[in-house]
Protein backbone atom coordinates (compact mmCIF):
# COMPACT_ATOMS: atom_id res chain seq x y z
CA MET A 1 2.16 62.13 -14.42
CA PRO A 2 0.42 58.79 -14.99
CA ALA A 3 2.43 56.08 -16.74
CA PRO A 4 0.33 55.80 -19.94
CA GLU A 5 1.07 59.39 -20.97
CA PRO A 6 4.87 59.13 -21.32
CA CYS A 7 4.44 55.66 -22.84
CA ARG A 8 2.26 57.12 -25.59
CA GLU A 9 4.65 60.03 -26.11
CA HIS A 10 7.68 57.77 -26.53
CA GLY A 11 5.95 54.86 -28.21
CA ILE A 12 6.66 52.17 -25.61
CA GLY A 13 4.38 49.75 -23.84
CA SER A 14 3.47 50.19 -20.18
CA ALA A 15 5.11 46.84 -19.30
CA THR A 16 8.39 48.12 -20.76
CA PHE A 17 8.02 51.35 -18.81
CA TYR A 18 7.59 49.54 -15.50
CA LYS A 19 10.46 47.15 -16.27
CA LEU A 20 12.78 50.07 -17.01
CA ARG A 21 11.60 51.96 -13.96
CA ALA A 22 12.30 48.95 -11.75
CA ARG A 23 15.76 48.56 -13.24
CA TYR A 24 16.89 52.19 -13.41
CA GLY A 25 14.45 53.96 -11.07
CA GLY A 26 16.80 54.99 -8.25
CA MET A 27 19.86 55.71 -10.37
CA ASP A 28 21.38 59.01 -11.27
CA ALA A 29 23.21 59.67 -14.55
CA SER A 30 26.66 58.59 -13.33
CA MET A 31 25.30 55.31 -11.96
CA MET A 32 23.56 54.63 -15.26
CA SER A 33 26.72 55.29 -17.27
CA ASN A 34 28.68 53.03 -14.90
CA MET A 35 26.11 50.27 -15.37
CA LYS A 36 26.21 50.73 -19.15
CA ALA A 37 30.02 50.46 -19.14
CA LEU A 38 29.85 47.28 -17.05
CA GLU A 39 27.26 45.77 -19.38
CA ASP A 40 29.42 46.61 -22.41
CA GLY A 41 32.47 45.06 -20.75
CA ASN A 42 30.48 41.96 -19.85
CA ARG A 43 29.24 41.65 -23.43
CA ARG A 44 32.83 41.98 -24.73
CA LEU A 45 34.11 39.32 -22.31
CA LYS A 46 31.33 36.92 -23.27
CA ARG A 47 32.21 37.38 -26.94
CA MET A 48 35.91 36.75 -26.18
CA PHE A 49 35.04 33.62 -24.21
CA THR A 50 32.92 32.31 -27.08
CA ASP A 51 35.70 32.94 -29.60
CA LEU A 52 38.32 31.25 -27.40
CA SER A 53 36.04 28.28 -26.78
CA ARG A 54 35.57 27.83 -30.52
CA GLN A 55 39.33 28.01 -31.06
CA ALA A 56 39.93 25.42 -28.35
CA ASP A 57 37.34 23.12 -29.92
CA LEU A 58 39.02 23.46 -33.31
CA LEU A 59 42.44 22.74 -31.81
CA ARG A 60 41.09 19.60 -30.15
CA GLU A 61 39.78 18.39 -33.52
CA VAL A 62 43.06 18.96 -35.40
CA PRO A 63 45.02 15.93 -34.03
CA GLU A 64 42.11 13.64 -34.90
CA LYS A 65 42.12 14.75 -38.52
CA MET A 66 45.89 14.86 -39.08
CA THR A 67 47.76 12.03 -40.71
CA PRO A 68 51.14 11.22 -39.20
CA LEU A 69 54.10 12.85 -40.95
CA PRO A 70 56.86 10.60 -42.19
CA THR A 71 59.83 10.51 -39.86
CA VAL A 72 63.06 11.97 -41.12
CA ARG A 73 66.34 10.37 -40.12
CA GLN A 74 68.99 12.89 -39.25
CA GLY A 75 72.67 12.59 -39.91
CA ILE A 76 72.34 10.80 -43.23
CA THR A 77 73.62 12.64 -46.28
CA THR A 78 73.21 11.54 -49.84
């Protein structure tokens, strides 16, 4: 079947078809599901890294913005 026919049927461009064929062409269903799981895990890890980087940046800024607390002498009762 020529490439333009399935592209028309599914409403995708021929460039997209060839890109997908190059990426997934030799894979069976189990390989595709494995790849999908790896991509999902990678996406999750990237999101975690971004969140942790933001937290680290905020924690670095905190000492700069804090005013020193007054010191409390211990052992003195009133």
